[in-house]
Amino acid sequence: MNKKNNGATTDKQKVIMITILFVTTFIIMGLGIFFSIYSVANNISFKVLNSRIHGVFFGLMVFYLGLRYNLSVLKLKAEVYKNATNFSWSNFKKVKSNKAVS
């Protein structure tokens, strides 16, 4: 018996992977917000190069990174859902550019 690999299974896999990436970015953003609130409630600060920095700033940085990852996943989602998109190992090779230096 031959099994046909129709597009429905790959589409389902794409949806699952993109959903996992979105959930991960929301978890990162949530942890950033949680740490900011926790730092305010418990007055947490860290010593960085002989100065004290409040934990809220670290929480906001984590939130910002999660937000950036979320925007990156949105761009990835648009690329992945194109019909002509296929997996290729050549996408991971470094591209050498022959730019003339003037």
Protein backbone atom coordinates (compact mmCIF):
# COMPACT_ATOMS: atom_id res chain seq x y z
CA MET A 1 0.00 0.00 0.00
CA ASN A 2 1.25 3.40 -0.89
CA LYS A 3 0.51 6.28 1.38
CA LYS A 4 0.01 9.66 -0.18
CA ASN A 5 1.51 12.54 1.72
CA ASN A 6 -1.03 15.24 1.19
CA GLY A 7 -0.61 18.88 2.11
CA ALA A 8 -2.98 18.61 5.07
CA THR A 9 -0.41 16.90 7.31
CA THR A 10 2.30 19.43 6.56
CA ASP A 11 -0.12 22.29 7.07
CA LYS A 12 -1.10 20.82 10.43
CA GLN A 13 2.57 20.51 11.38
CA LYS A 14 3.17 24.13 10.38
CA VAL A 15 0.26 25.28 12.51
CA ILE A 16 1.48 23.28 15.50
CA MET A 17 5.05 24.58 15.26
CA ILE A 18 4.02 28.21 14.81
CA THR A 19 1.61 27.86 17.74
CA ILE A 20 4.40 26.46 19.93
CA LEU A 21 6.63 29.40 18.98
CA PHE A 22 3.86 31.90 19.79
CA VAL A 23 3.18 30.24 23.15
CA THR A 24 6.90 30.36 23.94
CA THR A 25 7.10 34.07 23.17
CA PHE A 26 4.06 34.78 25.33
CA ILE A 27 5.63 32.79 28.18
CA ILE A 28 8.82 34.87 27.88
CA MET A 29 6.83 38.11 27.94
CA GLY A 30 4.79 36.87 30.90
CA LEU A 31 7.91 35.97 32.83
CA GLY A 32 9.30 39.44 32.18
CA ILE A 33 6.15 41.07 33.51
CA PHE A 34 6.04 38.68 36.47
CA PHE A 35 9.66 39.44 37.41
CA SER A 36 9.03 43.17 37.15
CA ILE A 37 6.05 42.95 39.50
CA TYR A 38 7.95 40.61 41.83
CA SER A 39 10.88 43.03 41.93
CA VAL A 40 8.64 45.95 42.83
CA ALA A 41 6.83 43.95 45.53
CA ASN A 42 10.04 42.65 47.14
CA ASN A 43 12.35 45.59 46.37
CA ILE A 44 14.85 43.46 44.46
CA SER A 45 17.91 45.10 42.97
CA PHE A 46 21.15 43.80 41.49
CA LYS A 47 24.67 45.11 41.69
CA VAL A 48 26.06 45.76 38.21
CA LEU A 49 29.44 47.49 37.83
CA ASN A 50 29.34 49.12 41.26
CA SER A 51 25.81 50.46 40.85
CA ARG A 52 22.50 49.11 42.02
CA ILE A 53 19.91 48.43 39.29
CA HIS A 54 16.33 47.64 40.22
CA GLY A 55 14.96 44.28 39.06
CA VAL A 56 12.16 46.00 37.13
CA PHE A 57 14.63 46.93 34.42
CA PHE A 58 15.70 43.32 33.96
CA GLY A 59 12.08 42.23 33.82
CA LEU A 60 11.36 44.88 31.20
CA MET A 61 14.34 43.70 29.15
CA VAL A 62 13.01 40.13 29.21
CA PHE A 63 9.57 41.41 28.19
CA TYR A 64 11.14 43.40 25.34
CA LEU A 65 13.02 40.35 24.08
CA GLY A 66 9.81 38.31 24.16
CA LEU A 67 8.07 41.05 22.19
CA ARG A 68 10.84 41.07 19.59
CA TYR A 69 10.66 37.27 19.30
CA ASN A 70 6.90 37.55 18.88
CA LEU A 71 7.34 39.97 15.97
CA SER A 72 9.94 37.64 14.45
CA VAL A 73 7.51 34.72 14.67
CA LEU A 74 4.86 36.85 12.93
CA LYS A 75 7.27 37.42 10.03
CA LEU A 76 8.19 33.73 10.02
CA LYS A 77 4.52 32.77 9.96
CA ALA A 78 3.96 34.85 6.82
CA GLU A 79 6.92 33.14 5.11
CA VAL A 80 6.01 29.61 6.21
CA TYR A 81 2.41 29.81 5.03
CA LYS A 82 3.38 30.69 1.47
CA ASN A 83 2.51 27.88 -0.94
CA ALA A 84 5.97 27.74 -2.51
CA THR A 85 7.76 27.23 0.81
CA ASN A 86 9.68 23.96 1.13
CA PHE A 87 12.37 22.77 3.52
CA SER A 88 15.89 22.78 2.16
CA TRP A 89 19.21 22.24 3.89
CA SER A 90 20.73 24.85 1.59
CA ASN A 91 18.86 27.52 3.57
CA PHE A 92 21.32 26.95 6.42
CA LYS A 93 24.51 27.45 4.38
CA LYS A 94 26.44 30.67 4.67
CA VAL A 95 26.20 32.86 1.61
CA LYS A 96 29.50 34.25 0.49
CA SER A 97 29.28 37.74 -0.88
CA ASN A 98 31.86 38.96 -3.36
CA LYS A 99 31.68 42.66 -2.75
CA ALA A 100 34.44 44.77 -4.21
CA VAL A 101 36.09 47.05 -1.70
CA SER A 102 36.66 50.49 -3.12
